[in-house]
PDB file of N, CA and C in Angstrom:
ATOM      1  N   MET A   1      30.073  94.641  30.444  1.00  0.00           N
ATOM      2  CA  MET A   1      31.196  95.115  31.292  1.00  0.00           C
ATOM      3  C   MET A   1      30.701  94.542  32.695  1.00  0.00           C
ATOM      4  N   GLU A   2      30.844  94.449  33.732  1.00  0.00           N
ATOM      5  CA  GLU A   2      30.107  94.479  35.478  1.00  0.00           C
ATOM      6  C   GLU A   2      30.236  96.214  35.783  1.00  0.00           C
ATOM      7  N   LYS A   3      28.382  95.761  36.491  1.00  0.00           N
ATOM      8  CA  LYS A   3      28.519  97.193  36.619  1.00  0.00           C
ATOM      9  C   LYS A   3      29.202  97.548  38.101  1.00  0.00           C
ATOM     10  N   GLU A   4      29.167  99.151  38.181  1.00  0.00           N
ATOM     11  CA  GLU A   4      30.022  99.026  39.516  1.00  0.00           C
ATOM     12  C   GLU A   4      29.027  99.121  40.697  1.00  0.00           C
ATOM     13  N   ILE A   5      29.628  99.308  41.608  1.00  0.00           N
ATOM     14  CA  ILE A   5      28.851  98.747  43.301  1.00  0.00           C
ATOM     15  C   ILE A   5      27.963 100.375  42.914  1.00  0.00           C
ATOM     16  N   ASN A   6      28.637 101.324  42.744  1.00  0.00           N
ATOM     17  CA  ASN A   6      27.323 102.491  42.726  1.00  0.00           C
ATOM     18  C   ASN A   6      25.773 102.677  41.996  1.00  0.00           C
ATOM     19  N   ASP A   7      26.323 101.873  41.003  1.00  0.00           N
ATOM     20  CA  ASP A   7      25.427 101.848  39.759  1.00  0.00           C
ATOM     21  C   ASP A   7      24.543 100.908  40.193  1.00  0.00           C
ATOM     22  N   LYS A   8      24.068 100.212  41.220  1.00  0.00           N
ATOM     23  CA  LYS A   8      23.746  98.897  41.566  1.00  0.00           C
ATOM     24  C   LYS A   8      22.256  99.502  42.170  1.00  0.00           C
ATOM     25  N   LYS A   9      21.406  98.778  42.253  1.00  0.00           N
ATOM     26  CA  LYS A   9      20.639  99.189  43.399  1.00  0.00           C
ATOM     27  C   LYS A   9      19.610  98.228  44.387  1.00  0.00           C
ATOM     28  N   PHE A  10      19.567  97.946  45.183  1.00  0.00           N
ATOM     29  CA  PHE A  10      18.855  97.243  46.095  1.00  0.00           C
ATOM     30  C   PHE A  10      17.583  97.146  46.958  1.00  0.00           C
ATOM     31  N   PHE A  11      16.847  96.436  46.966  1.00  0.00           N
ATOM     32  CA  PHE A  11      16.108  95.888  47.893  1.00  0.00           C
ATOM     33  C   PHE A  11      16.077  95.702  49.273  1.00  0.00           C
ATOM     34  N   ILE A  12      15.649  95.999  49.775  1.00  0.00           N
ATOM     35  CA  ILE A  12      15.856  95.695  51.899  1.00  0.00           C
ATOM     36  C   ILE A  12      14.481  94.819  51.097  1.00  0.00           C
ATOM     37  N   ILE A  13      14.808  93.435  52.419  1.00  0.00           N
ATOM     38  CA  ILE A  13      13.736  91.937  52.618  1.00  0.00           C
ATOM     39  C   ILE A  13      13.607  92.090  53.508  1.00  0.00           C
ATOM     40  N   LYS A  14      12.302  92.110  54.651  1.00  0.00           N
ATOM     41  CA  LYS A  14      12.091  92.193  55.207  1.00  0.00           C
ATOM     42  C   LYS A  14      11.558  90.531  55.638  1.00  0.00           C
ATOM     43  N   LYS A  15      11.602  89.963  56.423  1.00  0.00           N
ATOM     44  CA  LYS A  15      11.375  88.356  57.260  1.00  0.00           C
ATOM     45  C   LYS A  15      10.954  87.873  58.074  1.00  0.00           C
ATOM     46  N   GLU A  16       9.760  88.003  57.879  1.00  0.00           N
ATOM     47  CA  GLU A  16       9.454  87.322  59.583  1.00  0.00           C
ATOM     48  C   GLU A  16       8.413  85.895  59.253  1.00  0.00           C
ATOM     49  N   GLU A  17       8.821  85.444  61.441  1.00  0.00           N
ATOM     50  CA  GLU A  17       8.925  84.442  61.053  1.00  0.00           C
ATOM     51  C   GLU A  17       7.148  83.942  62.245  1.00  0.00           C
ATOM     52  N   PHE A  18       5.986  83.857  61.378  1.00  0.00           N
ATOM     53  CA  PHE A  18       4.858  83.069  62.133  1.00  0.00           C
ATOM     54  C   PHE A  18       4.178  81.681  62.146  1.00  0.00           C
ATOM     55  N   LEU A  19       4.292  81.305  63.170  1.00  0.00           N
ATOM     56  CA  LEU A  19       3.810  79.941  63.734  1.00  0.00           C
ATOM     57  C   LEU A  19       4.563  79.148  62.910  1.00  0.00           C
ATOM     58  N   GLY A  20       5.756  79.378  62.579  1.00  0.00           N
ATOM     59  CA  GLY A  20       6.719  78.322  61.973  1.00  0.00           C
ATOM     60  C   GLY A  20       6.991  78.296  60.433  1.00  0.00           C
ATOM     61  N   SER A  21       6.711  79.203  59.990  1.00  0.00           N
ATOM     62  CA  SER A  21       6.429  79.783  59.006  1.00  0.00           C
ATOM     63  C   SER A  21       7.175  81.220  58.174  1.00  0.00           C
ATOM     64  N   PHE A  22       7.950  81.341  57.093  1.00  0.00           N
ATOM     65  CA  PHE A  22       8.697  82.508  56.717  1.00  0.00           C
ATOM     66  C   PHE A  22       7.739  83.061  55.691  1.00  0.00           C
ATOM     67  N   ARG A  23       8.011  84.100  56.077  1.00  0.00           N
ATOM     68  CA  ARG A  23       6.584  85.086  55.288  1.00  0.00           C
ATOM     69  C   ARG A  23       7.581  86.504  54.411  1.00  0.00           C
ATOM     70  N   TYR A  24       8.315  86.460  53.350  1.00  0.00           N
ATOM     71  CA  TYR A  24       8.987  87.984  52.872  1.00  0.00           C
ATOM     72  C   TYR A  24       7.895  89.268  52.828  1.00  0.00           C
ATOM     73  N   SER A  25       9.067  90.018  52.284  1.00  0.00           N
ATOM     74  CA  SER A  25       8.193  90.582  51.821  1.00  0.00           C
ATOM     75  C   SER A  25       9.243  92.042  51.265  1.00  0.00           C
ATOM     76  N   ILE A  26       9.546  93.429  50.316  1.00  0.00           N
ATOM     77  CA  ILE A  26       9.917  94.463  49.899  1.00  0.00           C
ATOM     78  C   ILE A  26       9.649  95.512  50.853  1.00  0.00           C
ATOM     79  N   HIS A  27      10.985  96.051  51.678  1.00  0.00           N
ATOM     80  CA  HIS A  27      10.670  97.006  52.552  1.00  0.00           C
ATOM     81  C   HIS A  27       9.807  98.539  51.793  1.00  0.00           C
ATOM     82  N   SER A  28       8.735  98.826  51.685  1.00  0.00           N
ATOM     83  CA  SER A  28       8.678  99.871  51.449  1.00  0.00           C
ATOM     84  C   SER A  28       8.687 100.165  49.735  1.00  0.00           C
ATOM     85  N   SER A  29       8.115  99.142  49.589  1.00  0.00           N
ATOM     86  CA  SER A  29       8.155  98.578  48.541  1.00  0.00           C
ATOM     87  C   SER A  29       9.286  99.910  46.622  1.00  0.00           C
ATOM     88  N   SER A  30      10.393 100.241  47.318  1.00  0.00           N
ATOM     89  CA  SER A  30      11.862 100.863  46.946  1.00  0.00           C
ATOM     90  C   SER A  30      12.470 100.154  47.131  1.00  0.00           C
ATOM     91  N   MET A  31      13.530 101.019  45.712  1.00  0.00           N
ATOM     92  CA  MET A  31      15.200 100.064  45.841  1.00  0.00           C
ATOM     93  C   MET A  31      15.694 101.542  46.339  1.00  0.00           C
ATOM     94  N   TYR A  32      17.255 101.120  46.250  1.00  0.00           N
ATOM     95  CA  TYR A  32      17.991 101.977  47.359  1.00  0.00           C
ATOM     96  C   TYR A  32      19.065 101.648  46.773  1.00  0.00           C
ATOM     97  N   ASP A  33      20.102 103.150  46.072  1.00  0.00           N
ATOM     98  CA  ASP A  33      21.250 102.992  46.261  1.00  0.00           C
ATOM     99  C   ASP A  33      22.266 102.030  47.157  1.00  0.00           C
ATOM    100  N   LEU A  34      23.190 101.515  47.091  1.00  0.00           N
ATOM    101  CA  LEU A  34      23.946 100.430  48.498  1.00  0.00           C
ATOM    102  C   LEU A  34      23.731 101.469  49.397  1.00  0.00           C
ATOM    103  N   THR A  35      24.082 102.326  49.482  1.00  0.00           N
ATOM    104  CA  THR A  35      24.424 103.974  50.975  1.00  0.00           C
ATOM    105  C   THR A  35      22.664 103.530  51.785  1.00  0.00           C
ATOM    106  N   THR A  36      22.284 103.774  51.095  1.00  0.00           N
ATOM    107  CA  THR A  36      20.975 104.382  51.358  1.00  0.00           C
ATOM    108  C   THR A  36      20.508 102.674  51.817  1.00  0.00           C
ATOM    109  N   ALA A  37      19.958 102.135  51.191  1.00  0.00           N
ATOM    110  CA  ALA A  37      20.017 100.553  51.507  1.00  0.00           C
ATOM    111  C   ALA A  37      20.607 100.346  52.267  1.00  0.00           C
ATOM    112  N   VAL A  38      21.434 100.515  53.451  1.00  0.00           N
ATOM    113  CA  VAL A  38      22.258 100.048  54.049  1.00  0.00           C
ATOM    114  C   VAL A  38      21.662 100.866  55.617  1.00  0.00           C
ATOM    115  N   ARG A  39      22.089 102.164  55.427  1.00  0.00           N
ATOM    116  CA  ARG A  39      21.555 102.711  56.209  1.00  0.00           C
ATOM    117  C   ARG A  39      20.196 102.431  56.991  1.00  0.00           C
ATOM    118  N   LYS A  40      19.151 103.047  55.869  1.00  0.00           N
ATOM    119  CA  LYS A  40      17.840 102.271  56.289  1.00  0.00           C
ATOM    120  C   LYS A  40      17.946 100.475  56.814  1.00  0.00           C
ATOM    121  N   LEU A  41      18.809  99.622  56.523  1.00  0.00           N
ATOM    122  CA  LEU A  41      19.203  98.461  56.999  1.00  0.00           C
ATOM    123  C   LEU A  41      19.391  98.724  58.149  1.00  0.00           C
ATOM    124  N   LEU A  42      19.953  98.934  58.535  1.00  0.00           N
ATOM    125  CA  LEU A  42      21.276  99.814  59.830  1.00  0.00           C
ATOM    126  C   LEU A  42      19.847  99.948  60.870  1.00  0.00           C
ATOM    127  N   ALA A  43      19.101 101.231  60.536  1.00  0.00           N
ATOM    128  CA  ALA A  43      17.523 101.558  61.208  1.00  0.00           C
ATOM    129  C   ALA A  43      17.042 100.507  61.573  1.00  0.00           C
ATOM    130  N   LEU A  44      16.183  99.783  60.438  1.00  0.00           N
ATOM    131  CA  LEU A  44      15.580  99.124  60.929  1.00  0.00           C
ATOM    132  C   LEU A  44      15.736  97.931  61.695  1.00  0.00           C
ATOM    133  N   ASP A  45      17.186  97.716  62.085  1.00  0.00           N
ATOM    134  CA  ASP A  45      17.518  96.435  62.895  1.00  0.00           C
ATOM    135  C   ASP A  45      17.736  96.867  64.695  1.00  0.00           C
ATOM    136  N   THR A  46      18.031  98.081  63.839  1.00  0.00           N
ATOM    137  CA  THR A  46      18.057  98.624  65.341  1.00  0.00           C
ATOM    138  C   THR A  46      17.072  99.722  66.018  1.00  0.00           C
ATOM    139  N   LEU A  47      15.805  99.929  65.229  1.00  0.00           N
ATOM    140  CA  LEU A  47      14.181  99.793  65.550  1.00  0.00           C
ATOM    141  C   LEU A  47      13.649  98.842  65.911  1.00  0.00           C
ATOM    142  N   ASN A  48      13.989  97.515  65.342  1.00  0.00           N
ATOM    143  CA  ASN A  48      13.213  95.715  65.326  1.00  0.00           C
ATOM    144  C   ASN A  48      13.401  95.824  66.981  1.00  0.00           C
ATOM    145  N   GLU A  49      12.830  95.530  67.175  1.00  0.00           N
ATOM    146  CA  GLU A  49      12.370  94.789  68.725  1.00  0.00           C
ATOM    147  C   GLU A  49      11.979  93.177  68.346  1.00  0.00           C
ATOM    148  N   VAL A  50      12.119  92.633  67.960  1.00  0.00           N
ATOM    149  CA  VAL A  50      11.427  91.093  67.783  1.00  0.00           C
ATOM    150  C   VAL A  50      12.504  90.301  66.765  1.00  0.00           C
ATOM    151  N   LYS A  51      13.707  91.209  67.285  1.00  0.00           N
ATOM    152  CA  LYS A  51      14.541  90.164  66.210  1.00  0.00           C
ATOM    153  C   LYS A  51      14.609  88.658  66.629  1.00  0.00           C
ATOM    154  N   GLU A  52      14.176  87.974  67.228  1.00  0.00           N
ATOM    155  CA  GLU A  52      13.836  86.754  67.062  1.00  0.00           C
ATOM    156  C   GLU A  52      12.693  86.131  65.834  1.00  0.00           C
ATOM    157  N   LYS A  53      11.627  87.149  65.904  1.00  0.00           N
ATOM    158  CA  LYS A  53      10.381  86.723  64.837  1.00  0.00           C
ATOM    159  C   LYS A  53      10.951  87.189  63.414  1.00  0.00           C
ATOM    160  N   THR A  54      12.139  89.000  63.301  1.00  0.00           N
ATOM    161  CA  THR A  54      12.336  89.395  62.302  1.00  0.00           C
ATOM    162  C   THR A  54      12.881  89.517  61.607  1.00  0.00           C
ATOM    163  N   SER A  55      13.884  89.646  60.643  1.00  0.00           N
ATOM    164  CA  SER A  55      14.853  90.366  60.109  1.00  0.00           C
ATOM    165  C   SER A  55      14.838  90.530  58.544  1.00  0.00           C
ATOM    166  N   TYR A  56      15.663  91.652  58.370  1.00  0.00           N
ATOM    167  CA  TYR A  56      16.595  92.575  57.934  1.00  0.00           C
ATOM    168  C   TYR A  56      17.174  91.723  56.355  1.00  0.00           C
ATOM    169  N   HIS A  57      17.320  91.960  55.332  1.00  0.00           N
ATOM    170  CA  HIS A  57      18.589  91.968  54.923  1.00  0.00           C
ATOM    171  C   HIS A  57      18.737  92.706  53.254  1.00  0.00           C
ATOM    172  N   LEU A  58      19.624  92.608  52.580  1.00  0.00           N
ATOM    173  CA  LEU A  58      19.565  93.405  51.308  1.00  0.00           C
ATOM    174  C   LEU A  58      19.465  92.075  49.877  1.00  0.00           C
ATOM    175  N   GLN A  59      18.220  92.330  49.052  1.00  0.00           N
ATOM    176  CA  GLN A  59      18.934  92.188  48.015  1.00  0.00           C
ATOM    177  C   GLN A  59      19.212  92.735  46.470  1.00  0.00           C
ATOM    178  N   GLU A  60      20.166  92.353  45.762  1.00  0.00           N
ATOM    179  CA  GLU A  60      20.911  93.120  44.830  1.00  0.00           C
ATOM    180  C   GLU A  60      19.188  92.914  44.062  1.00  0.00           C
ATOM    181  N   VAL A  61      19.200  94.207  43.672  1.00  0.00           N
ATOM    182  CA  VAL A  61      17.426  94.316  41.887  1.00  0.00           C
ATOM    183  C   VAL A  61      18.430  93.596  40.624  1.00  0.00           C
ATOM    184  N   ASP A  62      18.132  92.499  40.011  1.00  0.00           N
ATOM    185  CA  ASP A  62      18.897  92.432  38.956  1.00  0.00           C
ATOM    186  C   ASP A  62      18.006  92.512  37.744  1.00  0.00           C
ATOM    187  N   PHE A  63      18.409  93.727  37.033  1.00  0.00           N
ATOM    188  CA  PHE A  63      17.415  93.843  36.166  1.00  0.00           C
ATOM    189  C   PHE A  63      18.152  92.748  34.540  1.00  0.00           C
ATOM    190  N   SER A  64      18.422  91.915  34.547  1.00  0.00           N
ATOM    191  CA  SER A  64      19.018  91.077  33.298  1.00  0.00           C
ATOM    192  C   SER A  64      18.080  90.984  32.562  1.00  0.00           C
ATOM    193  N   MET A  65      17.156  91.048  33.554  1.00  0.00           N
ATOM    194  CA  MET A  65      16.008  90.099  32.503  1.00  0.00           C
ATOM    195  C   MET A  65      14.749  91.140  31.731  1.00  0.00           C
ATOM    196  N   VAL A  66      15.451  91.942  32.388  1.00  0.00           N
ATOM    197  CA  VAL A  66      13.667  93.502  31.551  1.00  0.00           C
ATOM    198  C   VAL A  66      14.455  94.872  31.157  1.00  0.00           C
ATOM    199  N   ASP A  67      16.137  94.027  30.388  1.00  0.00           N
ATOM    200  CA  ASP A  67      16.892  95.153  29.854  1.00  0.00           C
ATOM    201  C   ASP A  67      16.871  95.176  28.480  1.00  0.00           C
ATOM    202  N   LYS A  68      15.917  93.674  28.375  1.00  0.00           N
ATOM    203  CA  LYS A  68      15.911  93.683  26.465  1.00  0.00           C
ATOM    204  C   LYS A  68      14.009  94.026  26.595  1.00  0.00           C
ATOM    205  N   PRO A  69      13.694  94.542  25.239  1.00  0.00           N
ATOM    206  CA  PRO A  69      12.863  94.914  24.898  1.00  0.00           C
ATOM    207  C   PRO A  69      11.924  94.139  24.465  1.00  0.00           C
ATOM    208  N   LEU A  70      10.539  93.293  25.415  1.00  0.00           N
ATOM    209  CA  LEU A  70       9.871  92.758  24.953  1.00  0.00           C
ATOM    210  C   LEU A  70       9.045  92.797  23.932  1.00  0.00           C
ATOM    211  N   ILE A  71       8.856  91.966  23.246  1.00  0.00           N
ATOM    212  CA  ILE A  71       8.491  91.127  22.015  1.00  0.00           C
ATOM    213  C   ILE A  71       7.370  90.914  21.634  1.00  0.00           C
ATOM    214  N   LEU A  72       6.470  91.189  22.031  1.00  0.00           N
ATOM    215  CA  LEU A  72       5.002  90.621  21.989  1.00  0.00           C
ATOM    216  C   LEU A  72       4.957  89.255  20.653  1.00  0.00           C
ATOM    217  N   THR A  73       4.837  88.369  21.086  1.00  0.00           N
ATOM    218  CA  THR A  73       3.962  86.696  19.298  1.00  0.00           C
ATOM    219  C   THR A  73       2.732  87.477  19.145  1.00  0.00           C
ATOM    220  N   ASP A  74       2.929  86.692  17.910  1.00  0.00           N
ATOM    221  CA  ASP A  74       1.527  86.838  17.416  1.00  0.00           C
ATOM    222  C   ASP A  74      -0.071  86.568  17.874  1.00  0.00           C
ATOM    223  N   GLU A  75       0.263  85.630  18.681  1.00  0.00           N
ATOM    224  CA  GLU A  75      -1.095  85.128  19.837  1.00  0.00           C
ATOM    225  C   GLU A  75      -1.051  86.047  20.808  1.00  0.00           C
ATOM    226  N   VAL A  76      -0.134  86.482  21.746  1.00  0.00           N
ATOM    227  CA  VAL A  76      -0.948  88.010  22.225  1.00  0.00           C
ATOM    228  C   VAL A  76      -0.843  89.352  21.388  1.00  0.00           C
ATOM    229  N   LYS A  77      -0.517  89.799  20.474  1.00  0.00           N
ATOM    230  CA  LYS A  77      -1.054  90.262  18.929  1.00  0.00           C
ATOM    231  C   LYS A  77      -2.728  90.356  19.022  1.00  0.00           C
ATOM    232  N   ASP A  78      -3.221  89.331  18.657  1.00  0.00           N
ATOM    233  CA  ASP A  78      -4.261  88.840  18.336  1.00  0.00           C
ATOM    234  C   ASP A  78      -5.083  90.064  19.015  1.00  0.00           C
ATOM    235  N   ASN A  79      -6.210  89.971  18.487  1.00  0.00           N
ATOM    236  CA  ASN A  79      -7.719  91.162  19.268  1.00  0.00           C
ATOM    237  C   ASN A  79      -8.127  90.232  19.641  1.00  0.00           C
ATOM    238  N   LYS A  80      -8.057  89.064  20.475  1.00  0.00           N
ATOM    239  CA  LYS A  80      -9.398  88.626  20.718  1.00  0.00           C
ATOM    240  C   LYS A  80     -10.684  88.907  21.738  1.00  0.00           C
ATOM    241  N   ASN A  81     -11.142  87.672  22.078  1.00  0.00           N
ATOM    242  CA  ASN A  81     -12.147  88.338  23.369  1.00  0.00           C
ATOM    243  C   ASN A  81     -11.839  87.328  23.937  1.00  0.00           C
ATOM    244  N   TRP A  82     -12.107  88.261  25.634  1.00  0.00           N
ATOM    245  CA  TRP A  82     -10.686  86.756  26.641  1.00  0.00           C
ATOM    246  C   TRP A  82     -11.854  85.423  26.170  1.00  0.00           C
ATOM    247  N   LYS A  83     -13.697  85.372  25.802  1.00  0.00           N
ATOM    248  CA  LYS A  83     -14.149  84.498  26.358  1.00  0.00           C
ATOM    249  C   LYS A  83     -14.309  83.264  24.951  1.00  0.00           C
ATOM    250  N   ASP A  84     -13.576  83.841  24.032  1.00  0.00           N
ATOM    251  CA  ASP A  84     -13.310  82.889  23.369  1.00  0.00           C
ATOM    252  C   ASP A  84     -12.430  82.374  22.931  1.00  0.00           C
ATOM    253  N   CYS A  85     -11.375  82.139  23.807  1.00  0.00           N
ATOM    254  CA  CYS A  85     -10.064  81.589  24.303  1.00  0.00           C
ATOM    255  C   CYS A  85      -9.942  80.427  25.972  1.00  0.00           C
ATOM    256  N   VAL A  86     -11.328  80.748  26.246  1.00  0.00           N
ATOM    257  CA  VAL A  86     -12.005  79.392  27.070  1.00  0.00           C
ATOM    258  C   VAL A  86     -12.600  78.731  27.030  1.00  0.00           C
ATOM    259  N   GLN A  87     -11.947  77.267  27.378  1.00  0.00           N
ATOM    260  CA  GLN A  87     -12.553  76.453  26.956  1.00  0.00           C
ATOM    261  C   GLN A  87     -13.833  76.111  27.575  1.00  0.00           C
ATOM    262  N   ASP A  88     -15.758  75.802  26.721  1.00  0.00           N
ATOM    263  CA  ASP A  88     -16.623  75.575  27.172  1.00  0.00           C
ATOM    264  C   ASP A  88     -16.640  74.337  28.479  1.00  0.00           C
ATOM    265  N   GLU A  89     -15.485  73.084  28.065  1.00  0.00           N
ATOM    266  CA  GLU A  89     -15.672  72.049  29.097  1.00  0.00           C
ATOM    267  C   GLU A  89     -15.073  71.577  29.698  1.00  0.00           C
ATOM    268  N   MET A  90     -14.832  71.150  31.122  1.00  0.00           N
ATOM    269  CA  MET A  90     -14.282  71.245  32.024  1.00  0.00           C
ATOM    270  C   MET A  90     -13.281  70.215  31.665  1.00  0.00           C
ATOM    271  N   PRO A  91     -12.166  70.170  32.539  1.00  0.00           N
ATOM    272  CA  PRO A  91     -10.886  69.305  32.093  1.00  0.00           C
ATOM    273  C   PRO A  91     -10.919  67.900  32.794  1.00  0.00           C
ATOM    274  N   PHE A  92     -12.541  67.572  33.843  1.00  0.00           N
ATOM    275  CA  PHE A  92     -12.098  66.900  34.361  1.00  0.00           C
ATOM    276  C   PHE A  92     -13.528  66.120  33.692  1.00  0.00           C
TER     277      PHE A  92
END
């Protein structure tokens, strides 16, 4: 069943251009419902003085990859010392 729009969560993504390349970050490391996200997005865009270099965008949070329980494999379950898992030989 499709999630209702009110149940969805959104990140505010900050896009910054510096020396010809772009950097993306999640604003305040938080997710918001749609109404709060749009209000914050509008406020950030209004306060943004460098619109040519910085912009804000909404990105829906996708829980489809994390809605199932994580099942550890036997390899992960083994209580091995990390040093035993590292090869002594150099690959080259």
